[in-house]
Amino acid sequence: MDIFFIFLFGLAIGSFLNVVIYRVPLGKSLITPPSSCPKCNTKIKPIHNIPVISWILLKGRCASCGKKISIRYPLIELLTGIIAVLIYIKLGNFDIFYLFTFGAFATLLALCMIDFDYKAVPDSLNLLALTFAFFHSPEVLENFKNALLMMGGMSLVRYYVSYFLKREAMGEGDIIVGGTMGALVGIKLAVLSLFIAALLAIIPSLYFRLQKKEPELPFIPFLALGTFIVWYFDSYFEEIWRIIYE
């Protein structure tokens, strides 16, 4: 299948993700009512709802009231399109396993944005990502086992670290994401994904510390990014793991 059409497919899913990110945390239906401007509540016409293009043509403003529309909407659509293409390049096929893999990472993207907004994620989406991950390859039972082991290991670490720090060290949502990580890349690479996620989180953590701010840093975006990096370059990370334990 042509990469251009894969990209368009990703853009369309990204547009839907914007609806998911906005409505699911509020407990709203994903079907009704139709999409509308959050400022004036005017129903968005189909011609004004074309991913990325409509935002550019409207110069980032509502066609009805002229209020600004966040650039986050087209960015999520673009990012989803890029993810769709990268997964296709990696797998080389547009089949059921592609759809489950893309579904897992697309749902993780939605979880990332919700975690940024609310510092918490809905179990419904988190479990959906985990379910997609179970079926991303023919080895469903192995994926399920890896998810269980990863969730169990992270739960163990959570209890010990929380006890010694006298505060919650890891959220339940992070542990479910850990299961998704285990199912997608296996135990060894999931551990490396955790390490990369921790490294990625150091920079913003240091920034907030230097600014003498103490916000609750969402960790799911770093877990998701670390997992995608390791999944995409799995052969390189397998070699790294082999070198470490030689």
Protein backbone atom coordinates (compact mmCIF):
# COMPACT_ATOMS: atom_id res chain seq x y z
CA MET A 1 0.00 0.00 0.00
CA ASP A 2 1.27 3.48 -0.88
CA ILE A 3 2.82 5.36 2.04
CA PHE A 4 0.78 8.45 1.12
CA PHE A 5 -2.48 6.61 1.81
CA ILE A 6 -1.05 5.22 5.04
CA PHE A 7 -0.30 8.81 6.05
CA LEU A 8 -3.87 9.89 5.19
CA PHE A 9 -5.17 6.96 7.23
CA GLY A 10 -3.05 8.14 10.17
CA LEU A 11 -4.31 11.71 9.81
CA ALA A 12 -7.91 10.50 9.94
CA ILE A 13 -7.23 8.46 13.07
CA GLY A 14 -5.43 11.47 14.55
CA SER A 15 -8.54 13.57 14.01
CA PHE A 16 -10.54 10.94 15.90
CA LEU A 17 -7.91 10.88 18.66
CA ASN A 18 -8.53 14.58 19.23
CA VAL A 19 -12.16 13.72 19.97
CA VAL A 20 -11.07 10.88 22.26
CA ILE A 21 -8.60 13.07 24.16
CA TYR A 22 -11.22 15.75 24.77
CA ARG A 23 -14.32 13.66 25.45
CA VAL A 24 -13.25 10.45 27.23
CA PRO A 25 -11.88 12.14 30.39
CA LEU A 26 -15.13 14.12 30.63
CA GLY A 27 -17.24 10.98 30.27
CA LYS A 28 -18.81 12.22 27.03
CA SER A 29 -19.96 10.11 24.09
CA LEU A 30 -17.54 9.75 21.19
CA ILE A 31 -20.44 9.68 18.72
CA THR A 32 -22.88 12.36 19.78
CA PRO A 33 -23.15 15.28 19.62
CA PRO A 34 -21.15 16.07 16.47
CA SER A 35 -17.89 18.00 16.87
CA SER A 36 -18.37 21.67 17.66
CA CYS A 37 -16.29 24.72 18.50
CA PRO A 38 -15.45 24.66 22.23
CA LYS A 39 -15.84 28.46 22.33
CA CYS A 40 -19.12 29.14 20.52
CA ASN A 41 -20.52 25.56 20.38
CA THR A 42 -21.24 25.89 16.66
CA LYS A 43 -21.31 22.54 14.86
CA ILE A 44 -18.17 22.10 12.76
CA LYS A 45 -18.95 21.57 9.07
CA PRO A 46 -17.32 18.56 7.35
CA ILE A 47 -15.37 20.92 5.07
CA HIS A 48 -13.90 22.57 8.16
CA ASN A 49 -12.99 19.25 9.74
CA ILE A 50 -10.37 18.00 7.28
CA PRO A 51 -7.27 16.99 9.28
CA VAL A 52 -4.49 19.63 9.28
CA ILE A 53 -5.64 21.28 6.02
CA SER A 54 -8.75 22.91 7.51
CA TRP A 55 -6.72 24.32 10.42
CA ILE A 56 -4.21 25.84 7.98
CA LEU A 57 -6.86 27.28 5.64
CA LEU A 58 -8.77 28.76 8.57
CA LYS A 59 -5.50 30.15 9.98
CA GLY A 60 -6.07 28.34 13.24
CA ARG A 61 -9.41 30.01 13.96
CA CYS A 62 -13.03 28.92 14.21
CA ALA A 63 -14.95 29.59 10.98
CA SER A 64 -17.94 30.84 13.00
CA CYS A 65 -16.64 32.92 15.91
CA GLY A 66 -13.04 33.52 14.84
CA LYS A 67 -11.61 32.34 18.15
CA LYS A 68 -8.23 30.62 18.08
CA ILE A 69 -8.11 26.85 17.76
CA SER A 70 -5.18 25.25 19.56
CA ILE A 71 -2.30 24.14 17.33
CA ARG A 72 -2.32 20.92 19.34
CA TYR A 73 -5.12 19.55 17.17
CA PRO A 74 -3.23 19.52 13.85
CA LEU A 75 -0.02 18.48 15.64
CA ILE A 76 -1.70 15.36 17.03
CA GLU A 77 -3.10 14.59 13.57
CA LEU A 78 0.34 15.01 12.00
CA LEU A 79 2.05 12.94 14.69
CA THR A 80 -0.48 10.14 14.28
CA GLY A 81 0.08 10.19 10.52
CA ILE A 82 3.85 9.96 11.05
CA ILE A 83 3.44 7.09 13.52
CA ALA A 84 1.23 5.25 11.01
CA VAL A 85 3.90 5.60 8.31
CA LEU A 86 6.79 4.59 10.58
CA ILE A 87 4.96 1.46 11.74
CA TYR A 88 4.19 0.55 8.13
CA ILE A 89 7.85 1.01 7.15
CA LYS A 90 8.89 -1.15 10.09
CA LEU A 91 6.40 -3.98 9.50
CA GLY A 92 6.20 -3.78 5.71
CA ASN A 93 2.56 -4.88 5.63
CA PHE A 94 -0.86 -3.37 6.13
CA ASP A 95 -2.51 -6.32 7.81
CA ILE A 96 -4.29 -7.20 11.05
CA PHE A 97 -1.03 -7.10 13.02
CA TYR A 98 -0.28 -3.65 11.63
CA LEU A 99 -3.70 -2.45 12.78
CA PHE A 100 -3.25 -3.82 16.30
CA THR A 101 0.27 -2.38 16.56
CA PHE A 102 -0.85 1.00 15.28
CA GLY A 103 -3.90 0.85 17.54
CA ALA A 104 -1.67 0.29 20.58
CA PHE A 105 0.65 3.20 19.82
CA ALA A 106 -2.18 5.52 18.74
CA THR A 107 -3.98 4.82 22.00
CA LEU A 108 -0.75 5.44 23.91
CA LEU A 109 -0.54 8.83 22.17
CA ALA A 110 -4.04 9.67 23.40
CA LEU A 111 -3.04 8.57 26.91
CA CYS A 112 0.03 10.82 26.75
CA MET A 113 -2.04 13.91 25.98
CA ILE A 114 -4.63 13.08 28.63
CA ASP A 115 -1.84 12.54 31.17
CA PHE A 116 -0.45 15.98 30.31
CA ASP A 117 -3.90 17.52 30.83
CA TYR A 118 -5.14 15.68 33.91
CA LYS A 119 -2.09 13.93 35.44
CA ALA A 120 -4.24 10.81 35.31
CA VAL A 121 -5.53 8.52 32.57
CA PRO A 122 -8.81 6.63 32.10
CA ASP A 123 -8.60 2.87 32.61
CA SER A 124 -10.80 2.32 29.55
CA LEU A 125 -8.16 3.68 27.16
CA ASN A 126 -5.27 2.20 29.11
CA LEU A 127 -6.79 -1.28 28.94
CA LEU A 128 -7.60 -0.76 25.27
CA ALA A 129 -3.93 -0.09 24.51
CA LEU A 130 -3.01 -3.21 26.49
CA THR A 131 -5.56 -5.29 24.58
CA PHE A 132 -4.25 -4.05 21.23
CA ALA A 133 -0.73 -4.96 22.38
CA PHE A 134 -1.77 -8.56 23.16
CA PHE A 135 -2.66 -9.08 19.50
CA HIS A 136 0.09 -7.08 17.78
CA SER A 137 1.81 -10.33 16.75
CA PRO A 138 0.82 -13.99 16.33
CA GLU A 139 2.45 -14.86 19.69
CA VAL A 140 -0.60 -13.77 21.69
CA LEU A 141 0.07 -16.00 24.72
CA GLU A 142 3.70 -14.88 24.89
CA ASN A 143 2.59 -11.25 24.69
CA PHE A 144 0.09 -11.87 27.48
CA LYS A 145 2.75 -13.52 29.65
CA ASN A 146 5.19 -10.65 29.11
CA ALA A 147 2.50 -8.15 30.04
CA LEU A 148 1.76 -10.02 33.27
CA LEU A 149 5.45 -10.24 34.20
CA MET A 150 6.04 -6.58 33.48
CA MET A 151 3.02 -5.44 35.46
CA GLY A 152 3.96 -7.71 38.35
CA GLY A 153 7.55 -6.44 38.39
CA MET A 154 6.50 -2.79 38.27
CA SER A 155 3.95 -3.37 41.04
CA LEU A 156 6.65 -4.89 43.22
CA VAL A 157 8.97 -1.94 42.63
CA ARG A 158 6.11 0.45 43.28
CA TYR A 159 5.33 -0.96 46.72
CA TYR A 160 8.95 -1.02 47.87
CA VAL A 161 9.85 2.45 46.57
CA SER A 162 6.61 4.00 47.84
CA TYR A 163 7.27 2.52 51.28
CA PHE A 164 10.77 3.97 51.55
CA LEU A 165 9.89 7.35 50.00
CA LYS A 166 6.72 7.62 52.08
CA ARG A 167 4.79 8.74 49.00
CA GLU A 168 3.26 7.22 45.88
CA ALA A 169 6.19 6.38 43.57
CA MET A 170 4.20 5.08 40.61
CA GLY A 171 0.57 5.30 39.57
CA GLU A 172 -1.65 2.37 38.68
CA GLY A 173 -1.96 3.81 35.17
CA ASP A 174 1.82 3.56 34.75
CA ILE A 175 1.68 -0.13 35.68
CA ILE A 176 -0.97 -0.87 33.02
CA VAL A 177 1.21 0.95 30.49
CA GLY A 178 4.03 -1.29 31.70
CA GLY A 179 1.92 -4.27 30.66
CA THR A 180 1.49 -2.74 27.22
CA MET A 181 5.25 -2.26 27.03
CA GLY A 182 5.90 -5.89 27.95
CA ALA A 183 3.41 -7.16 25.39
CA LEU A 184 4.84 -4.99 22.60
CA VAL A 185 8.57 -5.51 23.07
CA GLY A 186 9.06 -8.35 25.56
CA ILE A 187 10.54 -8.24 29.05
CA LYS A 188 14.17 -7.49 28.15
CA LEU A 189 13.38 -4.61 25.82
CA ALA A 190 10.64 -3.32 28.13
CA VAL A 191 13.28 -2.93 30.84
CA LEU A 192 15.42 -0.95 28.39
CA SER A 193 12.32 1.10 27.50
CA LEU A 194 11.90 1.95 31.19
CA PHE A 195 15.54 3.03 31.37
CA ILE A 196 15.17 5.26 28.30
CA ALA A 197 11.94 6.72 29.69
CA ALA A 198 13.73 7.59 32.93
CA LEU A 199 16.57 9.24 30.97
CA LEU A 200 14.09 11.27 28.91
CA ALA A 201 12.33 12.41 32.09
CA ILE A 202 15.56 13.69 33.69
CA ILE A 203 15.75 16.88 31.61
CA PRO A 204 12.27 18.25 32.42
CA SER A 205 12.68 17.10 36.03
CA LEU A 206 15.93 19.05 36.37
CA TYR A 207 14.37 22.07 34.68
CA PHE A 208 11.48 22.19 37.16
CA ARG A 209 13.88 21.65 40.04
CA LEU A 210 16.11 24.55 38.89
CA GLN A 211 13.01 26.71 38.47
CA LYS A 212 12.03 25.71 41.99
CA LYS A 213 8.77 24.32 40.72
CA GLU A 214 7.36 21.01 41.85
CA PRO A 215 4.67 20.02 39.36
CA GLU A 216 3.53 16.43 39.11
CA LEU A 217 5.46 15.28 36.05
CA PRO A 218 3.38 12.93 33.87
CA PHE A 219 5.42 9.80 33.24
CA ILE A 220 3.27 8.00 30.67
CA PRO A 221 4.51 10.21 27.77
CA PHE A 222 8.08 9.16 28.55
CA LEU A 223 7.09 5.49 28.88
CA ALA A 224 5.29 5.62 25.53
CA LEU A 225 8.16 7.39 23.75
CA GLY A 226 10.74 5.04 25.24
CA THR A 227 8.69 2.04 24.14
CA PHE A 228 8.25 3.31 20.58
CA ILE A 229 11.98 4.02 20.24
CA VAL A 230 12.91 0.54 21.48
CA TRP A 231 10.20 -1.17 19.41
CA TYR A 232 11.27 0.60 16.23
CA PHE A 233 14.98 -0.07 16.72
CA ASP A 234 14.52 -3.41 18.45
CA SER A 235 17.41 -5.13 16.65
CA TYR A 236 19.86 -2.49 17.87
CA PHE A 237 18.59 -2.73 21.44
CA GLU A 238 18.72 -6.53 21.32
CA GLU A 239 22.40 -6.17 20.44
CA ILE A 240 22.91 -3.72 23.30
CA TRP A 241 21.28 -6.20 25.69
CA ARG A 242 23.50 -8.98 24.40
CA ILE A 243 26.64 -6.86 24.89
CA ILE A 244 25.61 -5.94 28.44
CA TYR A 245 25.10 -9.56 29.47
CA GLU A 246 27.97 -11.16 27.54
